[in-house]
Protein backbone atom coordinates (compact mmCIF):
# COMPACT_ATOMS: atom_id res chain seq x y z
CA UNK A 1 -63.55 57.97 197.93
CA UNK A 2 -62.19 55.28 195.69
CA UNK A 3 -58.74 55.19 194.16
CA UNK A 4 -60.21 55.82 190.71
CA UNK A 5 -62.79 58.61 190.54
CA UNK A 6 -63.67 57.53 187.01
CA UNK A 7 -65.13 54.16 187.98
CA UNK A 8 -66.85 53.87 191.38
CA UNK A 9 -66.01 50.76 193.39
CA UNK A 10 -67.87 47.69 192.18
CA UNK A 11 -69.14 49.26 188.94
CA UNK A 12 -66.49 48.13 186.48
CA UNK A 13 -67.85 45.34 184.27
CA UNK A 14 -64.75 43.28 185.07
CA UNK A 15 -65.26 43.38 188.84
CA UNK A 16 -67.93 40.65 189.14
CA UNK A 17 -65.80 38.27 187.04
CA UNK A 18 -62.70 39.13 189.02
CA UNK A 19 -64.56 38.59 192.31
CA UNK A 20 -65.84 35.18 191.08
CA UNK A 21 -62.32 34.11 190.06
CA UNK A 22 -60.91 35.22 193.40
CA UNK A 23 -63.56 33.20 195.22
CA UNK A 24 -62.93 30.06 193.10
CA UNK A 25 -59.17 30.12 193.52
CA UNK A 26 -59.35 31.02 197.21
CA UNK A 27 -61.79 28.16 197.85
CA UNK A 28 -59.45 25.73 196.07
CA UNK A 29 -56.34 26.87 197.96
CA UNK A 30 -58.20 26.89 201.27
CA UNK A 31 -59.56 23.40 200.78
CA UNK A 32 -56.28 22.04 199.41
CA UNK A 33 -54.24 23.49 202.25
CA UNK A 34 -56.69 22.15 204.83
CA UNK A 35 -56.58 18.64 203.38
CA UNK A 36 -52.78 18.77 203.10
CA UNK A 37 -52.41 20.34 206.51
CA UNK A 38 -50.40 23.24 205.15
CA UNK A 39 -51.11 26.14 207.50
CA UNK A 40 -48.66 28.46 205.68
CA UNK A 41 -50.49 28.07 202.36
CA UNK A 42 -53.80 28.51 204.10
CA UNK A 43 -52.65 31.72 205.77
CA UNK A 44 -51.09 33.11 202.56
CA UNK A 45 -54.24 32.36 200.55
CA UNK A 46 -56.38 34.03 203.21
CA UNK A 47 -54.20 37.13 203.24
CA UNK A 48 -54.21 37.36 199.42
CA UNK A 49 -57.97 36.93 199.26
CA UNK A 50 -58.64 39.44 202.01
CA UNK A 51 -56.34 42.02 200.46
CA UNK A 52 -57.89 41.51 197.03
CA UNK A 53 -61.42 41.94 198.36
CA UNK A 54 -60.42 45.10 200.23
CA UNK A 55 -58.88 46.49 197.05
CA UNK A 56 -62.08 45.73 195.12
CA UNK A 57 -64.07 47.62 197.75
CA UNK A 58 -61.58 50.49 197.42
CA UNK A 59 -62.11 50.59 193.65
CA UNK A 60 -58.68 49.22 192.73
CA UNK A 61 -59.30 46.09 190.62
CA UNK A 62 -55.76 46.16 189.28
CA UNK A 63 -54.37 45.51 192.76
CA UNK A 64 -56.96 42.76 193.28
CA UNK A 65 -55.95 41.21 189.95
CA UNK A 66 -52.34 40.94 191.17
CA UNK A 67 -53.54 38.87 194.11
CA UNK A 68 -55.54 36.68 191.72
CA UNK A 69 -52.44 36.18 189.61
CA UNK A 70 -50.60 34.90 192.72
CA UNK A 71 -53.51 32.55 193.52
CA UNK A 72 -53.59 31.20 189.96
CA UNK A 73 -49.82 30.68 189.96
CA UNK A 74 -49.85 28.94 193.30
CA UNK A 75 -52.85 26.80 192.35
CA UNK A 76 -51.16 25.69 189.14
CA UNK A 77 -48.66 23.80 191.26
CA UNK A 78 -51.49 21.46 192.24
CA UNK A 79 -53.16 20.89 188.88
CA UNK A 80 -53.74 17.22 189.61
CA UNK A 81 -55.64 17.91 192.82
CA UNK A 82 -59.37 17.46 193.06
CA UNK A 83 -61.26 20.68 192.52
CA UNK A 84 -58.47 22.47 190.63
CA UNK A 85 -60.20 25.51 189.12
CA UNK A 86 -58.08 25.47 185.91
CA UNK A 87 -58.40 28.12 183.26
CA UNK A 88 -60.75 31.04 183.72
CA UNK A 89 -64.34 30.17 183.00
CA UNK A 90 -66.15 32.23 180.42
């Protein structure tokens, strides 16, 4: 059973876009933290990504979006870094 009985997990039109954004920002934070040897950032990004993906599977995209917001905020601190994902792609 999903959190929302109205929209089964994975069927909201926003979910694929949310999942793609999560993957982009996670990949950036993972790569940036590996290059900068920042194990705390790496661990935090991994936790946020894992939690977000679990919430998507549970049918709770709002909770996943909160994790994306953290990733976007944290990534914005490194806007000059190679591979910065920037604004959402359309």
